[in-house]
C-alpha atoms as a PDB file:
ATOM      1  CA  MET A   1     -56.805 116.035 -18.701  1.00  0.00           C
ATOM      2  CA  LYS A   2     -58.710 112.763 -18.865  1.00  0.00           C
ATOM      3  CA  ILE A   3     -57.899 110.975 -22.120  1.00  0.00           C
ATOM      4  CA  LEU A   4     -59.421 107.797 -23.533  1.00  0.00           C
ATOM      5  CA  ILE A   5     -57.252 105.776 -25.939  1.00  0.00           C
ATOM      6  CA  CYS A   6     -59.163 103.383 -28.214  1.00  0.00           C
ATOM      7  CA  THR A   7     -56.927 100.889 -29.989  1.00  0.00           C
ATOM      8  CA  GLY A   8     -57.313  97.616 -31.816  1.00  0.00           C
ATOM      9  CA  ILE A   9     -54.241  96.074 -30.178  1.00  0.00           C
ATOM     10  CA  TYR A  10     -52.218  96.780 -27.047  1.00  0.00           C
ATOM     11  CA  PRO A  11     -49.335  94.958 -25.304  1.00  0.00           C
ATOM     12  CA  PRO A  12     -48.873  92.056 -24.787  1.00  0.00           C
ATOM     13  CA  ASP A  13     -50.112  92.067 -28.404  1.00  0.00           C
ATOM     14  CA  ILE A  14     -47.277  92.246 -30.935  1.00  0.00           C
ATOM     15  CA  GLY A  15     -47.122  94.949 -33.575  1.00  0.00           C
ATOM     16  CA  GLY A  16     -46.329  98.582 -34.308  1.00  0.00           C
ATOM     17  CA  PRO A  17     -49.799  99.903 -33.340  1.00  0.00           C
ATOM     18  CA  ALA A  18     -49.554  98.194 -29.943  1.00  0.00           C
ATOM     19  CA  GLN A  19     -46.148  99.778 -29.300  1.00  0.00           C
ATOM     20  CA  TYR A  20     -47.488 103.173 -30.407  1.00  0.00           C
ATOM     21  CA  ALA A  21     -50.417 102.945 -27.993  1.00  0.00           C
ATOM     22  CA  LYS A  22     -48.209 101.869 -25.090  1.00  0.00           C
ATOM     23  CA  ASN A  23     -45.716 104.668 -25.617  1.00  0.00           C
ATOM     24  CA  ILE A  24     -48.179 107.533 -25.925  1.00  0.00           C
ATOM     25  CA  VAL A  25     -50.061 106.280 -22.861  1.00  0.00           C
ATOM     26  CA  GLU A  26     -46.819 106.411 -20.879  1.00  0.00           C
ATOM     27  CA  GLU A  27     -46.039 109.909 -22.161  1.00  0.00           C
ATOM     28  CA  PHE A  28     -49.490 111.257 -21.306  1.00  0.00           C
ATOM     29  CA  GLN A  29     -49.093 109.860 -17.806  1.00  0.00           C
ATOM     30  CA  LYS A  30     -45.650 111.442 -17.440  1.00  0.00           C
ATOM     31  CA  LYS A  31     -47.232 114.778 -18.327  1.00  0.00           C
ATOM     32  CA  GLY A  32     -49.748 114.330 -15.501  1.00  0.00           C
ATOM     33  CA  HIS A  33     -52.808 113.315 -17.507  1.00  0.00           C
ATOM     34  CA  VAL A  34     -55.225 110.531 -16.582  1.00  0.00           C
ATOM     35  CA  VAL A  35     -55.418 107.903 -19.305  1.00  0.00           C
ATOM     36  CA  TRP A  36     -57.771 104.995 -19.908  1.00  0.00           C
ATOM     37  CA  VAL A  37     -57.187 102.390 -22.608  1.00  0.00           C
ATOM     38  CA  SER A  38     -59.910 100.426 -24.357  1.00  0.00           C
ATOM     39  CA  THR A  39     -58.704  97.594 -26.579  1.00  0.00           C
ATOM     40  CA  TYR A  40     -59.912  94.345 -28.086  1.00  0.00           C
ATOM     41  CA  ASN A  41     -59.452  91.123 -26.115  1.00  0.00           C
ATOM     42  CA  PHE A  42     -61.928  88.228 -26.030  1.00  0.00           C
ATOM     43  CA  GLU A  43     -64.265  89.956 -28.500  1.00  0.00           C
ATOM     44  CA  ARG A  44     -61.818  89.322 -31.355  1.00  0.00           C
ATOM     45  CA  LYS A  45     -63.296  85.842 -31.763  1.00  0.00           C
ATOM     46  CA  PHE A  46     -66.669  87.338 -32.709  1.00  0.00           C
ATOM     47  CA  PRO A  47     -67.601  88.425 -36.254  1.00  0.00           C
ATOM     48  CA  SER A  48     -67.264  92.033 -37.383  1.00  0.00           C
ATOM     49  CA  GLY A  49     -70.185  94.100 -36.201  1.00  0.00           C
ATOM     50  CA  LEU A  50     -70.749  92.044 -33.074  1.00  0.00           C
ATOM     51  CA  ARG A  51     -67.229  92.630 -31.820  1.00  0.00           C
ATOM     52  CA  HIS A  52     -67.620  96.340 -32.575  1.00  0.00           C
ATOM     53  CA  LEU A  53     -70.805  96.328 -30.485  1.00  0.00           C
ATOM     54  CA  ILE A  54     -69.068  94.606 -27.561  1.00  0.00           C
ATOM     55  CA  PHE A  55     -66.213  97.122 -27.777  1.00  0.00           C
ATOM     56  CA  PHE A  56     -68.781  99.940 -27.808  1.00  0.00           C
ATOM     57  CA  PHE A  57     -70.386  98.828 -24.544  1.00  0.00           C
ATOM     58  CA  LYS A  58     -67.102  98.051 -22.768  1.00  0.00           C
ATOM     59  CA  THR A  59     -65.904 101.582 -23.654  1.00  0.00           C
ATOM     60  CA  PHE A  60     -69.167 103.306 -22.681  1.00  0.00           C
ATOM     61  CA  LEU A  61     -68.337 104.326 -19.096  1.00  0.00           C
ATOM     62  CA  LYS A  62     -64.778 105.377 -19.933  1.00  0.00           C
ATOM     63  CA  THR A  63     -66.150 107.748 -22.571  1.00  0.00           C
ATOM     64  CA  ILE A  64     -68.393 109.464 -20.041  1.00  0.00           C
ATOM     65  CA  LYS A  65     -65.389 110.273 -17.830  1.00  0.00           C
ATOM     66  CA  ALA A  66     -63.014 111.352 -20.645  1.00  0.00           C
ATOM     67  CA  ASP A  67     -62.410 114.886 -21.889  1.00  0.00           C
ATOM     68  CA  PHE A  68     -61.666 113.574 -25.374  1.00  0.00           C
ATOM     69  CA  ILE A  69     -60.899 110.381 -27.285  1.00  0.00           C
ATOM     70  CA  ILE A  70     -57.893 109.309 -29.341  1.00  0.00           C
ATOM     71  CA  ALA A  71     -58.630 106.423 -31.707  1.00  0.00           C
ATOM     72  CA  LEU A  72     -55.547 104.660 -33.048  1.00  0.00           C
ATOM     73  CA  ASP A  73     -57.085 102.883 -36.000  1.00  0.00           C
ATOM     74  CA  THR A  74     -59.749 103.785 -38.484  1.00  0.00           C
ATOM     75  CA  TYR A  75     -62.227 100.942 -38.275  1.00  0.00           C
ATOM     76  CA  SER A  76     -62.025  98.466 -35.393  1.00  0.00           C
ATOM     77  CA  ALA A  77     -61.506 101.097 -32.681  1.00  0.00           C
ATOM     78  CA  GLY A  78     -62.347 104.181 -34.739  1.00  0.00           C
ATOM     79  CA  LEU A  79     -65.954 103.292 -35.577  1.00  0.00           C
ATOM     80  CA  PRO A  80     -67.205 102.669 -32.021  1.00  0.00           C
ATOM     81  CA  ALA A  81     -65.098 105.602 -30.755  1.00  0.00           C
ATOM     82  CA  VAL A  82     -66.735 108.008 -33.220  1.00  0.00           C
ATOM     83  CA  ILE A  83     -70.242 106.788 -32.368  1.00  0.00           C
ATOM     84  CA  LEU A  84     -69.501 107.191 -28.658  1.00  0.00           C
ATOM     85  CA  GLY A  85     -68.012 110.617 -29.326  1.00  0.00           C
ATOM     86  CA  LYS A  86     -71.191 111.765 -31.052  1.00  0.00           C
ATOM     87  CA  LEU A  87     -73.378 110.276 -28.333  1.00  0.00           C
ATOM     88  CA  PHE A  88     -71.546 112.061 -25.517  1.00  0.00           C
ATOM     89  CA  ARG A  89     -70.358 115.088 -27.508  1.00  0.00           C
ATOM     90  CA  LYS A  90     -66.699 114.225 -27.045  1.00  0.00           C
ATOM     91  CA  LYS A  91     -64.134 115.181 -29.680  1.00  0.00           C
ATOM     92  CA  VAL A  92     -62.435 112.237 -31.362  1.00  0.00           C
ATOM     93  CA  LEU A  93     -58.877 112.571 -32.671  1.00  0.00           C
ATOM     94  CA  LEU A  94     -58.465 109.785 -35.217  1.00  0.00           C
ATOM     95  CA  ARG A  95     -54.881 108.736 -35.939  1.00  0.00           C
ATOM     96  CA  ILE A  96     -54.742 107.265 -39.430  1.00  0.00           C
ATOM     97  CA  GLY A  97     -51.674 105.108 -39.916  1.00  0.00           C
ATOM     98  CA  GLY A  98     -53.107 102.747 -42.519  1.00  0.00           C
ATOM     99  CA  ASP A  99     -56.210 102.153 -44.612  1.00  0.00           C
ATOM    100  CA  PHE A 100     -58.512  99.267 -43.718  1.00  0.00           C
ATOM    101  CA  LEU A 101     -60.464  99.551 -46.981  1.00  0.00           C
ATOM    102  CA  TRP A 102     -57.394  99.319 -49.201  1.00  0.00           C
ATOM    103  CA  GLU A 103     -55.868  96.525 -47.066  1.00  0.00           C
ATOM    104  CA  THR A 104     -59.128  94.541 -47.371  1.00  0.00           C
ATOM    105  CA  TYR A 105     -58.989  94.992 -51.141  1.00  0.00           C
ATOM    106  CA  THR A 106     -55.374  93.735 -51.302  1.00  0.00           C
ATOM    107  CA  ALA A 107     -56.216  90.799 -49.021  1.00  0.00           C
ATOM    108  CA  ARG A 108     -58.510  89.411 -51.755  1.00  0.00           C
ATOM    109  CA  GLY A 109     -55.763  89.758 -54.353  1.00  0.00           C
ATOM    110  CA  GLY A 110     -56.024  93.397 -55.431  1.00  0.00           C
ATOM    111  CA  LYS A 111     -52.784  94.687 -56.945  1.00  0.00           C
ATOM    112  CA  LEU A 112     -53.305  98.460 -57.026  1.00  0.00           C
ATOM    113  CA  GLY A 113     -51.228 100.661 -54.748  1.00  0.00           C
ATOM    114  CA  LEU A 114     -52.938 103.185 -52.493  1.00  0.00           C
ATOM    115  CA  VAL A 115     -52.699 106.077 -54.986  1.00  0.00           C
ATOM    116  CA  ASP A 116     -54.051 104.103 -57.960  1.00  0.00           C
ATOM    117  CA  PHE A 117     -56.728 102.433 -55.836  1.00  0.00           C
ATOM    118  CA  TYR A 118     -58.329 105.757 -54.959  1.00  0.00           C
ATOM    119  CA  ARG A 119     -57.596 107.284 -58.340  1.00  0.00           C
ATOM    120  CA  SER A 120     -59.493 104.589 -60.275  1.00  0.00           C
ATOM    121  CA  MET A 121     -61.594 103.028 -57.456  1.00  0.00           C
ATOM    122  CA  PRO A 122     -62.017  99.441 -58.697  1.00  0.00           C
ATOM    123  CA  VAL A 123     -65.279  97.531 -58.288  1.00  0.00           C
ATOM    124  CA  LEU A 124     -65.657  96.890 -54.565  1.00  0.00           C
ATOM    125  CA  SER A 125     -66.988  93.748 -52.938  1.00  0.00           C
ATOM    126  CA  LEU A 126     -70.009  94.024 -50.636  1.00  0.00           C
ATOM    127  CA  LYS A 127     -67.717  93.946 -47.594  1.00  0.00           C
ATOM    128  CA  GLU A 128     -65.565  96.713 -49.053  1.00  0.00           C
ATOM    129  CA  LYS A 129     -68.608  98.840 -49.869  1.00  0.00           C
ATOM    130  CA  ILE A 130     -69.691  98.580 -46.225  1.00  0.00           C
ATOM    131  CA  ILE A 131     -66.208  99.537 -45.015  1.00  0.00           C
ATOM    132  CA  TYR A 132     -66.109 102.476 -47.440  1.00  0.00           C
ATOM    133  CA  PHE A 133     -69.501 103.691 -46.207  1.00  0.00           C
ATOM    134  CA  PHE A 134     -68.435 103.572 -42.574  1.00  0.00           C
ATOM    135  CA  GLN A 135     -65.028 105.127 -43.252  1.00  0.00           C
ATOM    136  CA  LYS A 136     -66.735 108.140 -44.819  1.00  0.00           C
ATOM    137  CA  TYR A 137     -68.913 108.402 -41.707  1.00  0.00           C
ATOM    138  CA  ILE A 138     -65.884 108.063 -39.403  1.00  0.00           C
ATOM    139  CA  PHE A 139     -63.832 110.731 -41.195  1.00  0.00           C
ATOM    140  CA  LYS A 140     -66.771 113.118 -41.338  1.00  0.00           C
ATOM    141  CA  ASN A 141     -67.274 112.904 -37.569  1.00  0.00           C
ATOM    142  CA  SER A 142     -63.710 112.986 -36.271  1.00  0.00           C
ATOM    143  CA  TYR A 143     -60.552 115.061 -36.514  1.00  0.00           C
ATOM    144  CA  ALA A 144     -58.196 113.234 -38.853  1.00  0.00           C
ATOM    145  CA  ILE A 145     -54.539 112.975 -37.864  1.00  0.00           C
ATOM    146  CA  PHE A 146     -52.330 111.426 -40.536  1.00  0.00           C
ATOM    147  CA  THR A 147     -48.764 110.179 -40.107  1.00  0.00           C
ATOM    148  CA  THR A 148     -47.713 111.506 -43.526  1.00  0.00           C
ATOM    149  CA  LYS A 149     -48.646 114.362 -45.824  1.00  0.00           C
ATOM    150  CA  TRP A 150     -48.732 111.803 -48.664  1.00  0.00           C
ATOM    151  CA  GLN A 151     -51.732 109.917 -47.271  1.00  0.00           C
ATOM    152  CA  LYS A 152     -53.421 113.138 -46.180  1.00  0.00           C
ATOM    153  CA  GLU A 153     -53.383 114.440 -49.751  1.00  0.00           C
ATOM    154  CA  ILE A 154     -54.803 111.156 -51.083  1.00  0.00           C
ATOM    155  CA  PHE A 155     -57.670 111.081 -48.579  1.00  0.00           C
ATOM    156  CA  GLU A 156     -58.562 114.753 -48.930  1.00  0.00           C
ATOM    157  CA  LYS A 157     -59.664 114.005 -52.497  1.00  0.00           C
ATOM    158  CA  VAL A 158     -62.030 111.118 -51.659  1.00  0.00           C
ATOM    159  CA  TYR A 159     -63.253 111.455 -48.061  1.00  0.00           C
ATOM    160  CA  PRO A 160     -65.403 114.146 -46.368  1.00  0.00           C
ATOM    161  CA  LEU A 161     -62.702 115.350 -43.994  1.00  0.00           C
ATOM    162  CA  ARG A 162     -63.510 118.265 -41.695  1.00  0.00           C
ATOM    163  CA  THR A 163     -62.508 121.702 -42.923  1.00  0.00           C
ATOM    164  CA  ASN A 164     -59.671 122.924 -40.673  1.00  0.00           C
ATOM    165  CA  GLY A 165     -59.818 119.578 -38.902  1.00  0.00           C
ATOM    166  CA  VAL A 166     -57.045 117.655 -40.666  1.00  0.00           C
ATOM    167  CA  PHE A 167     -53.541 117.328 -39.199  1.00  0.00           C
ATOM    168  CA  VAL A 168     -50.252 115.461 -39.552  1.00  0.00           C
ATOM    169  CA  ILE A 169     -48.323 113.959 -36.645  1.00  0.00           C
ATOM    170  CA  GLU A 170     -45.301 112.127 -37.988  1.00  0.00           C
ATOM    171  CA  ASN A 171     -44.356 108.717 -36.726  1.00  0.00           C
ATOM    172  CA  TYR A 172     -41.753 108.096 -34.024  1.00  0.00           C
ATOM    173  CA  TYR A 173     -38.130 108.653 -35.070  1.00  0.00           C
ATOM    174  CA  GLY A 174     -35.941 107.466 -32.209  1.00  0.00           C
ATOM    175  CA  GLU A 175     -32.386 108.099 -31.143  1.00  0.00           C
ATOM    176  CA  LYS A 176     -29.764 105.926 -32.809  1.00  0.00           C
ATOM    177  CA  VAL A 177     -29.085 102.603 -31.072  1.00  0.00           C
ATOM    178  CA  GLY A 178     -26.417 101.357 -33.482  1.00  0.00           C
ATOM    179  CA  GLY A 179     -26.044  97.969 -35.088  1.00  0.00           C
ATOM    180  CA  PHE A 180     -23.564  95.107 -35.364  1.00  0.00           C
ATOM    181  CA  GLU A 181     -21.051  94.419 -38.092  1.00  0.00           C
ATOM    182  CA  PRO A 182     -22.849  91.960 -40.405  1.00  0.00           C
ATOM    183  CA  ARG A 183     -21.372  88.473 -40.675  1.00  0.00           C
ATOM    184  CA  GLU A 184     -22.977  87.848 -44.046  1.00  0.00           C
ATOM    185  CA  LYS A 185     -24.899  89.712 -46.727  1.00  0.00           C
ATOM    186  CA  LYS A 186     -28.288  89.027 -45.177  1.00  0.00           C
ATOM    187  CA  PHE A 187     -31.126  91.335 -46.166  1.00  0.00           C
ATOM    188  CA  ILE A 188     -33.981  91.543 -43.700  1.00  0.00           C
ATOM    189  CA  VAL A 189     -37.660  92.425 -43.853  1.00  0.00           C
ATOM    190  CA  ALA A 190     -39.814  92.562 -40.721  1.00  0.00           C
ATOM    191  CA  ALA A 191     -43.414  92.560 -41.882  1.00  0.00           C
ATOM    192  CA  ARG A 192     -46.789  90.950 -41.418  1.00  0.00           C
ATOM    193  CA  SER A 193     -47.636  88.091 -43.765  1.00  0.00           C
ATOM    194  CA  VAL A 194     -50.248  90.066 -45.694  1.00  0.00           C
ATOM    195  CA  ASN A 195     -50.588  90.512 -49.438  1.00  0.00           C
ATOM    196  CA  PHE A 196     -49.693  94.184 -49.682  1.00  0.00           C
ATOM    197  CA  LYS A 197     -46.252  93.545 -48.167  1.00  0.00           C
ATOM    198  CA  ASN A 198     -45.370  91.755 -51.449  1.00  0.00           C
ATOM    199  CA  LEU A 199     -43.337  89.045 -49.675  1.00  0.00           C
ATOM    200  CA  ASP A 200     -43.873  86.308 -52.271  1.00  0.00           C
ATOM    201  CA  PHE A 201     -42.541  88.610 -54.991  1.00  0.00           C
ATOM    202  CA  LEU A 202     -39.568  89.440 -52.780  1.00  0.00           C
ATOM    203  CA  ARG A 203     -38.807  85.736 -52.227  1.00  0.00           C
ATOM    204  CA  THR A 204     -38.912  85.157 -55.976  1.00  0.00           C
ATOM    205  CA  ILE A 205     -36.429  87.964 -56.574  1.00  0.00           C
ATOM    206  CA  PHE A 206     -33.953  86.618 -54.016  1.00  0.00           C
ATOM    207  CA  ASP A 207     -34.318  83.049 -55.310  1.00  0.00           C
ATOM    208  CA  GLU A 208     -33.386  84.310 -58.777  1.00  0.00           C
ATOM    209  CA  LEU A 209     -30.393  86.230 -57.460  1.00  0.00           C
ATOM    210  CA  VAL A 210     -29.121  83.196 -55.529  1.00  0.00           C
ATOM    211  CA  ASN A 211     -29.559  81.022 -58.627  1.00  0.00           C
ATOM    212  CA  GLU A 212     -27.491  83.579 -60.544  1.00  0.00           C
ATOM    213  CA  GLY A 213     -24.678  83.005 -58.055  1.00  0.00           C
ATOM    214  CA  ARG A 214     -25.073  86.141 -55.944  1.00  0.00           C
ATOM    215  CA  ASP A 215     -23.755  85.891 -52.391  1.00  0.00           C
ATOM    216  CA  LEU A 216     -26.731  87.056 -50.342  1.00  0.00           C
ATOM    217  CA  LYS A 217     -29.607  85.859 -48.159  1.00  0.00           C
ATOM    218  CA  LEU A 218     -33.110  86.995 -47.257  1.00  0.00           C
ATOM    219  CA  GLU A 219     -34.604  86.766 -43.769  1.00  0.00           C
ATOM    220  CA  ILE A 220     -38.305  87.444 -43.277  1.00  0.00           C
ATOM    221  CA  VAL A 221     -39.331  88.224 -39.708  1.00  0.00           C
ATOM    222  CA  SER A 222     -43.026  88.075 -38.811  1.00  0.00           C
ATOM    223  CA  ASP A 223     -45.048  87.997 -35.601  1.00  0.00           C
ATOM    224  CA  VAL A 224     -42.187  88.235 -33.125  1.00  0.00           C
ATOM    225  CA  ASP A 225     -41.671  90.474 -30.134  1.00  0.00           C
ATOM    226  CA  TYR A 226     -40.413  93.966 -30.989  1.00  0.00           C
ATOM    227  CA  GLU A 227     -37.108  93.566 -29.132  1.00  0.00           C
ATOM    228  CA  ILE A 228     -36.368  90.307 -30.938  1.00  0.00           C
ATOM    229  CA  ALA A 229     -37.063  91.924 -34.304  1.00  0.00           C
ATOM    230  CA  LEU A 230     -34.844  94.891 -33.436  1.00  0.00           C
ATOM    231  CA  GLU A 231     -31.934  92.596 -32.531  1.00  0.00           C
ATOM    232  CA  LYS A 232     -32.285  90.845 -35.877  1.00  0.00           C
ATOM    233  CA  ILE A 233     -32.254  94.207 -37.679  1.00  0.00           C
ATOM    234  CA  LYS A 234     -29.097  95.206 -35.787  1.00  0.00           C
ATOM    235  CA  GLY A 235     -27.280  92.144 -37.091  1.00  0.00           C
ATOM    236  CA  SER A 236     -28.479  92.376 -40.682  1.00  0.00           C
ATOM    237  CA  TYR A 237     -26.594  93.637 -43.742  1.00  0.00           C
ATOM    238  CA  ALA A 238     -29.420  95.792 -45.098  1.00  0.00           C
ATOM    239  CA  ALA A 239     -33.200  96.138 -44.992  1.00  0.00           C
ATOM    240  CA  ILE A 240     -35.634  95.712 -47.856  1.00  0.00           C
ATOM    241  CA  LEU A 241     -39.361  96.427 -48.051  1.00  0.00           C
ATOM    242  CA  ILE A 242     -41.126  96.406 -51.424  1.00  0.00           C
ATOM    243  CA  SER A 243     -44.765  96.696 -50.336  1.00  0.00           C
ATOM    244  CA  ILE A 244     -47.331  97.593 -52.987  1.00  0.00           C
ATOM    245  CA  SER A 245     -47.773 100.669 -50.792  1.00  0.00           C
ATOM    246  CA  ASP A 246     -46.666 101.322 -47.216  1.00  0.00           C
ATOM    247  CA  ILE A 247     -47.652 104.575 -45.562  1.00  0.00           C
ATOM    248  CA  SER A 248     -45.152 104.975 -42.725  1.00  0.00           C
ATOM    249  CA  PRO A 249     -43.593 101.585 -41.910  1.00  0.00           C
ATOM    250  CA  ASN A 250     -42.061 101.293 -38.454  1.00  0.00           C
ATOM    251  CA  PHE A 251     -39.662  98.678 -39.789  1.00  0.00           C
ATOM    252  CA  ILE A 252     -37.810 101.228 -41.923  1.00  0.00           C
ATOM    253  CA  LEU A 253     -37.665 103.715 -39.030  1.00  0.00           C
ATOM    254  CA  ASP A 254     -36.169 101.003 -36.813  1.00  0.00           C
ATOM    255  CA  THR A 255     -33.676 100.225 -39.557  1.00  0.00           C
ATOM    256  CA  ILE A 256     -32.526 103.842 -39.520  1.00  0.00           C
ATOM    257  CA  LYS A 257     -32.037 103.655 -35.736  1.00  0.00           C
ATOM    258  CA  THR A 258     -29.567 100.819 -36.255  1.00  0.00           C
ATOM    259  CA  ASN A 259     -27.670 102.605 -39.089  1.00  0.00           C
ATOM    260  CA  LYS A 260     -28.543  99.924 -41.637  1.00  0.00           C
ATOM    261  CA  PRO A 261     -29.083 101.000 -45.272  1.00  0.00           C
ATOM    262  CA  PHE A 262     -32.431 100.206 -46.839  1.00  0.00           C
ATOM    263  CA  ILE A 263     -34.256  99.625 -50.105  1.00  0.00           C
ATOM    264  CA  MET A 264     -37.973 100.321 -49.998  1.00  0.00           C
ATOM    265  CA  THR A 265     -41.056 100.973 -52.081  1.00  0.00           C
ATOM    266  CA  LYS A 266     -41.455 104.444 -53.518  1.00  0.00           C
ATOM    267  CA  GLU A 267     -45.191 104.116 -52.814  1.00  0.00           C
ATOM    268  CA  THR A 268     -44.787 105.521 -49.313  1.00  0.00           C
ATOM    269  CA  GLY A 269     -45.298 108.609 -47.219  1.00  0.00           C
ATOM    270  CA  LEU A 270     -41.700 108.373 -45.985  1.00  0.00           C
ATOM    271  CA  PHE A 271     -40.251 109.425 -49.338  1.00  0.00           C
ATOM    272  CA  ASP A 272     -40.286 113.166 -48.627  1.00  0.00           C
ATOM    273  CA  ARG A 273     -38.380 112.740 -45.353  1.00  0.00           C
ATOM    274  CA  LEU A 274     -35.976 110.008 -46.484  1.00  0.00           C
ATOM    275  CA  GLU A 275     -35.477 110.644 -50.199  1.00  0.00           C
ATOM    276  CA  LYS A 276     -31.726 111.253 -49.873  1.00  0.00           C
ATOM    277  CA  VAL A 277     -31.147 108.653 -47.191  1.00  0.00           C
ATOM    278  CA  GLY A 278     -32.163 105.357 -48.794  1.00  0.00           C
ATOM    279  CA  ILE A 279     -33.071 103.735 -52.107  1.00  0.00           C
ATOM    280  CA  PHE A 280     -36.687 103.810 -53.345  1.00  0.00           C
ATOM    281  CA  VAL A 281     -37.976 101.450 -56.032  1.00  0.00           C
ATOM    282  CA  ASP A 282     -41.069 100.657 -58.068  1.00  0.00           C
ATOM    283  CA  PRO A 283     -42.531  97.677 -56.132  1.00  0.00           C
ATOM    284  CA  ASN A 284     -43.701  96.047 -59.378  1.00  0.00           C
ATOM    285  CA  ASN A 285     -40.438  96.400 -61.314  1.00  0.00           C
ATOM    286  CA  LYS A 286     -38.448  93.211 -60.785  1.00  0.00           C
ATOM    287  CA  GLU A 287     -35.403  94.289 -62.772  1.00  0.00           C
ATOM    288  CA  GLU A 288     -35.120  97.620 -60.954  1.00  0.00           C
ATOM    289  CA  ILE A 289     -35.361  95.907 -57.577  1.00  0.00           C
ATOM    290  CA  LYS A 290     -32.770  93.302 -58.547  1.00  0.00           C
ATOM    291  CA  SER A 291     -30.347  95.931 -59.807  1.00  0.00           C
ATOM    292  CA  ARG A 292     -30.671  97.927 -56.583  1.00  0.00           C
ATOM    293  CA  ILE A 293     -30.050  94.847 -54.467  1.00  0.00           C
ATOM    294  CA  ILE A 294     -26.989  94.012 -56.566  1.00  0.00           C
ATOM    295  CA  SER A 295     -25.729  97.582 -56.140  1.00  0.00           C
ATOM    296  CA  PHE A 296     -25.684  97.020 -52.372  1.00  0.00           C
ATOM    297  CA  LEU A 297     -23.349  94.065 -52.868  1.00  0.00           C
ATOM    298  CA  ASP A 298     -20.706  96.530 -54.059  1.00  0.00           C
ATOM    299  CA  LYS A 299     -18.725  97.507 -50.970  1.00  0.00           C
ATOM    300  CA  LYS A 300     -18.165 101.133 -52.006  1.00  0.00           C
ATOM    301  CA  ASN A 301     -21.800 101.771 -52.885  1.00  0.00           C
ATOM    302  CA  TYR A 302     -23.011  99.975 -49.773  1.00  0.00           C
ATOM    303  CA  GLN A 303     -20.754 102.063 -47.530  1.00  0.00           C
ATOM    304  CA  GLU A 304     -22.015 105.268 -49.138  1.00  0.00           C
ATOM    305  CA  TYR A 305     -25.556 104.481 -47.977  1.00  0.00           C
ATOM    306  CA  VAL A 306     -24.338 103.427 -44.551  1.00  0.00           C
ATOM    307  CA  GLU A 307     -22.807 106.892 -44.199  1.00  0.00           C
ATOM    308  CA  ARG A 308     -26.025 108.525 -45.389  1.00  0.00           C
ATOM    309  CA  ILE A 309     -27.937 106.691 -42.687  1.00  0.00           C
ATOM    310  CA  LYS A 310     -25.382 107.622 -40.048  1.00  0.00           C
ATOM    311  CA  GLY A 311     -25.699 111.271 -41.060  1.00  0.00           C
ATOM    312  CA  PHE A 312     -29.482 111.242 -40.647  1.00  0.00           C
ATOM    313  CA  ASN A 313     -30.198 112.416 -37.102  1.00  0.00           C
ATOM    314  CA  PHE A 314     -33.778 113.672 -37.232  1.00  0.00           C
ATOM    315  CA  THR A 315     -35.779 112.601 -34.175  1.00  0.00           C
ATOM    316  CA  HIS A 316     -39.439 112.822 -33.243  1.00  0.00           C
ATOM    317  CA  SER A 317     -39.892 111.653 -29.662  1.00  0.00           C
ATOM    318  CA  TRP A 318     -42.887 110.095 -27.929  1.00  0.00           C
ATOM    319  CA  SER A 319     -43.007 113.159 -25.700  1.00  0.00           C
ATOM    320  CA  GLU A 320     -43.308 115.406 -28.768  1.00  0.00           C
ATOM    321  CA  ILE A 321     -45.985 113.169 -30.281  1.00  0.00           C
ATOM    322  CA  ALA A 322     -48.057 113.200 -27.097  1.00  0.00           C
ATOM    323  CA  GLN A 323     -47.763 116.982 -26.837  1.00  0.00           C
ATOM    324  CA  GLU A 324     -48.860 117.400 -30.458  1.00  0.00           C
ATOM    325  CA  PHE A 325     -52.063 115.475 -29.687  1.00  0.00           C
ATOM    326  CA  ILE A 326     -52.693 117.751 -26.694  1.00  0.00           C
ATOM    327  CA  ASP A 327     -51.992 120.906 -28.707  1.00  0.00           C
ATOM    328  CA  ILE A 328     -54.368 119.827 -31.473  1.00  0.00           C
ATOM    329  CA  TYR A 329     -57.149 119.137 -28.978  1.00  0.00           C
ATOM    330  CA  LYS A 330     -56.651 122.466 -27.202  1.00  0.00           C
ATOM    331  CA  ASN A 331     -56.886 124.375 -30.483  1.00  0.00           C
ATOM    332  CA  LEU A 332     -60.006 122.709 -31.867  1.00  0.00           C
END
């Protein structure tokens, strides 16, 4: 098959979506398929709308040659991909790993998690209204592939998704790579410096615990190469992620690979898979978060969750993910 991958970022860019794109491209090629990648480069310096238009024209000829399109984000790559798909009557498989509308809302200070945001739908800014309009158009004219059932069920209530055209392909769960014996009680979070990751709140919590005399540290890792981040996770004591919402964070999945216990937000699509493996907290409840962190300082309790992580051996390979995309396309 001839497959076109449209993605907002791609290596050498840093980030989970870039790694995802790289790995499925490699798997498609291993399976004998021809793959083209269209991603943003110089056009990122242009304002929204103009950069979408540039991406549209640079992807034009690749679309003509492709059997179908896989778009790896909803808006930056998804919008031009869907328009091209309609123009050339090519099916577009839209992988939805986040929500650009909700992230834009949180970037201006919005505090609602993903569930409450769509349940109450606060007053949107003009920019958000435009994004919402285009997202409805994108979902209506593509085949939606979610990474979690949790997000799928949220979106089915508010977006015009295709009947019999909605799927779930879980994120990558890799083989265990092991970790190092921690030298100190250092909790780690690898996350972008964006509002919904709740990093300022997390810093406040750790500052309070240190001032109370607790023997622990917090390390925040942002914008570093994947291999560097993974090495830091391997050497950590535990992982913590208290995002307002976080659909399927790669950071937690990498933590599991290294057999490190974790505390994370309960506002996530990973809860169903990992409920008995880690600790889930209300991301707005300071006292609950503090008590869970303190519980990890107890050696017996900490070791119990280490063993839970070690006993979790579910995998979902890049080869399986690539094949699931192919199977979906063949059955449309």
